[in-house]
Amino acid sequence: MTDLLRQISELLTTAGIRHSFKEMKTCWVGRYFGIYKHEKCLYFTHYIAGNFLEAITPRRLSPDEIEAQYDIRCEGNPEDYKSYLSKTHYVLKLPLRNGLLNGRFSISEKQDFFVAIAEMR
C-alpha cells in the first residue's frame, strides 16, 4: 500500500464508501497497488514505477470536464475500449510530481474528486 492510496482510503472511509486493498499486482504496464470496490472492480491504482495514479472513471466524464470541474489536469480517452474492458468506464491517468497531483495538490485538497469518482462506480 502506498501513502497516496492510504490517504485516498481515509477519504473514502470518512465518506462511508466501502472498499478494500489487495497485495501488489503485476500487469503488462508494471506493478501496482489498488483500492477496490470488490474483488474485480477497481476504484484507483498507483503504479510503483510510474509517476501517476489511475482512476476508473465513467465514460460520460471526459478529461476536459474533470479538469473544468475539479481543476485536475489528467489524461484519458473515454473512447478507448482497449485499455479498460468496460462499456461504461475508462482509465483516467492523474500525473504526480513530488507526491502531489499535477505537482500542486494534495490528496485531501481534491477529496471531492476522489469521493465523487468512487460514488459513480
Protein backbone atom coordinates (compact mmCIF):
# COMPACT_ATOMS: atom_id res chain seq x y z
CA MET A 1 0.00 0.00 0.00
CA THR A 2 1.35 3.39 -0.94
CA ASP A 3 0.94 6.52 1.14
CA LEU A 4 -1.18 8.18 -1.56
CA LEU A 5 -3.63 5.26 -1.64
CA ARG A 6 -3.72 5.26 2.16
CA GLN A 7 -4.79 8.92 2.04
CA ILE A 8 -7.49 8.15 -0.55
CA SER A 9 -8.67 5.25 1.61
CA GLU A 10 -9.08 7.58 4.59
CA LEU A 11 -11.22 9.92 2.47
CA LEU A 12 -13.40 7.04 1.26
CA THR A 13 -13.80 5.70 4.81
CA THR A 14 -14.85 9.14 6.06
CA ALA A 15 -17.39 9.34 3.21
CA GLY A 16 -18.77 5.91 4.14
CA ILE A 17 -17.63 4.23 0.89
CA ARG A 18 -16.76 0.57 1.39
CA HIS A 19 -13.51 -0.55 -0.19
CA SER A 20 -10.63 -2.98 0.18
CA PHE A 21 -7.00 -3.47 -0.80
CA LYS A 22 -5.14 -6.32 -2.40
CA GLU A 23 -1.48 -7.26 -2.37
CA MET A 24 0.67 -5.79 -5.09
CA LYS A 25 -0.41 -6.87 -8.58
CA THR A 26 1.60 -7.09 -11.78
CA CYS A 27 0.36 -6.44 -15.30
CA TRP A 28 1.99 -5.60 -18.62
CA VAL A 29 2.32 -1.95 -17.59
CA GLY A 30 4.05 -2.70 -14.27
CA ARG A 31 3.45 -3.39 -10.60
CA TYR A 32 0.68 -1.57 -8.77
CA PHE A 33 -1.44 -1.38 -5.65
CA GLY A 34 -5.16 -0.77 -5.92
CA ILE A 35 -8.24 0.26 -4.00
CA TYR A 36 -11.17 -1.97 -4.89
CA LYS A 37 -14.93 -1.76 -4.60
CA HIS A 38 -14.94 -5.56 -4.66
CA GLU A 39 -12.65 -8.28 -5.98
CA LYS A 40 -12.80 -7.37 -9.66
CA CYS A 41 -13.90 -3.74 -9.50
CA LEU A 42 -11.14 -1.14 -9.11
CA TYR A 43 -11.58 2.40 -7.89
CA PHE A 44 -7.97 3.66 -8.01
CA THR A 45 -4.46 2.34 -8.69
CA HIS A 46 -0.96 3.62 -8.01
CA TYR A 47 1.80 2.19 -10.21
CA ILE A 48 5.09 1.71 -8.41
CA ALA A 49 7.41 2.69 -11.28
CA GLY A 50 5.10 5.26 -12.82
CA ASN A 51 4.53 8.74 -11.62
CA PHE A 52 0.74 8.62 -11.81
CA LEU A 53 -2.45 7.49 -10.17
CA GLU A 54 -5.25 5.93 -12.18
CA ALA A 55 -8.95 6.46 -11.53
CA ILE A 56 -11.53 4.20 -13.16
CA THR A 57 -13.91 6.84 -14.46
CA PRO A 58 -17.36 6.80 -16.08
CA ARG A 59 -17.13 7.29 -19.84
CA ARG A 60 -19.64 10.14 -19.60
CA LEU A 61 -16.94 12.31 -17.94
CA SER A 62 -14.17 13.48 -20.25
CA PRO A 63 -10.74 14.61 -19.03
CA ASP A 64 -11.70 18.16 -20.06
CA GLU A 65 -14.84 18.04 -17.92
CA ILE A 66 -12.85 16.73 -14.95
CA GLU A 67 -10.30 19.50 -15.37
CA ALA A 68 -13.07 22.11 -15.55
CA GLN A 69 -14.97 20.75 -12.56
CA TYR A 70 -12.11 19.69 -10.23
CA ASP A 71 -9.11 21.68 -11.58
CA ILE A 72 -7.11 18.46 -12.06
CA ARG A 73 -5.16 18.01 -15.30
CA CYS A 74 -5.49 14.40 -16.40
CA GLU A 75 -5.16 12.10 -19.39
CA GLY A 76 -7.52 9.51 -20.81
CA ASN A 77 -9.77 8.69 -23.70
CA PRO A 78 -13.38 7.70 -23.00
CA GLU A 79 -13.48 6.14 -26.48
CA ASP A 80 -10.54 3.79 -25.79
CA TYR A 81 -12.19 0.45 -25.16
CA LYS A 82 -8.89 -1.47 -25.28
CA SER A 83 -7.19 -0.03 -22.18
CA TYR A 84 -10.03 -1.00 -19.84
CA LEU A 85 -12.50 -3.63 -20.92
CA SER A 86 -15.69 -1.93 -19.81
CA LYS A 87 -18.60 -0.44 -21.70
CA THR A 88 -19.21 2.18 -19.02
CA HIS A 89 -15.78 3.17 -17.58
CA TYR A 90 -12.25 4.04 -18.74
CA VAL A 91 -8.80 4.61 -17.25
CA LEU A 92 -8.01 8.21 -16.30
CA LYS A 93 -4.36 8.96 -15.51
CA LEU A 94 -3.56 11.61 -12.91
CA PRO A 95 0.06 12.81 -13.16
CA LEU A 96 2.04 13.08 -9.92
CA ARG A 97 5.07 15.17 -9.06
CA ASN A 98 6.67 15.20 -5.63
CA GLY A 99 3.71 13.20 -4.27
CA LEU A 100 1.20 15.85 -5.39
CA LEU A 101 -1.49 15.69 -8.08
CA ASN A 102 -0.25 17.77 -11.02
CA GLY A 103 2.63 18.73 -8.70
CA ARG A 104 0.24 21.15 -6.95
CA PHE A 105 -2.50 19.46 -4.95
CA SER A 106 -2.52 17.07 -2.01
CA ILE A 107 -4.96 14.19 -1.99
CA SER A 108 -7.04 15.87 0.72
CA GLU A 109 -7.31 19.09 -1.33
CA LYS A 110 -9.05 17.09 -4.05
CA GLN A 111 -11.19 14.89 -1.81
CA ASP A 112 -14.37 15.87 -3.70
CA PHE A 113 -12.92 14.32 -6.86
CA PHE A 114 -11.94 11.01 -5.23
CA VAL A 115 -15.23 10.60 -3.40
CA ALA A 116 -17.28 11.52 -6.49
CA ILE A 117 -15.42 9.06 -8.73
CA ALA A 118 -15.85 6.25 -6.18
CA GLU A 119 -19.55 7.03 -5.76
CA MET A 120 -20.05 6.85 -9.54
CA ARG A 121 -18.55 3.37 -9.59
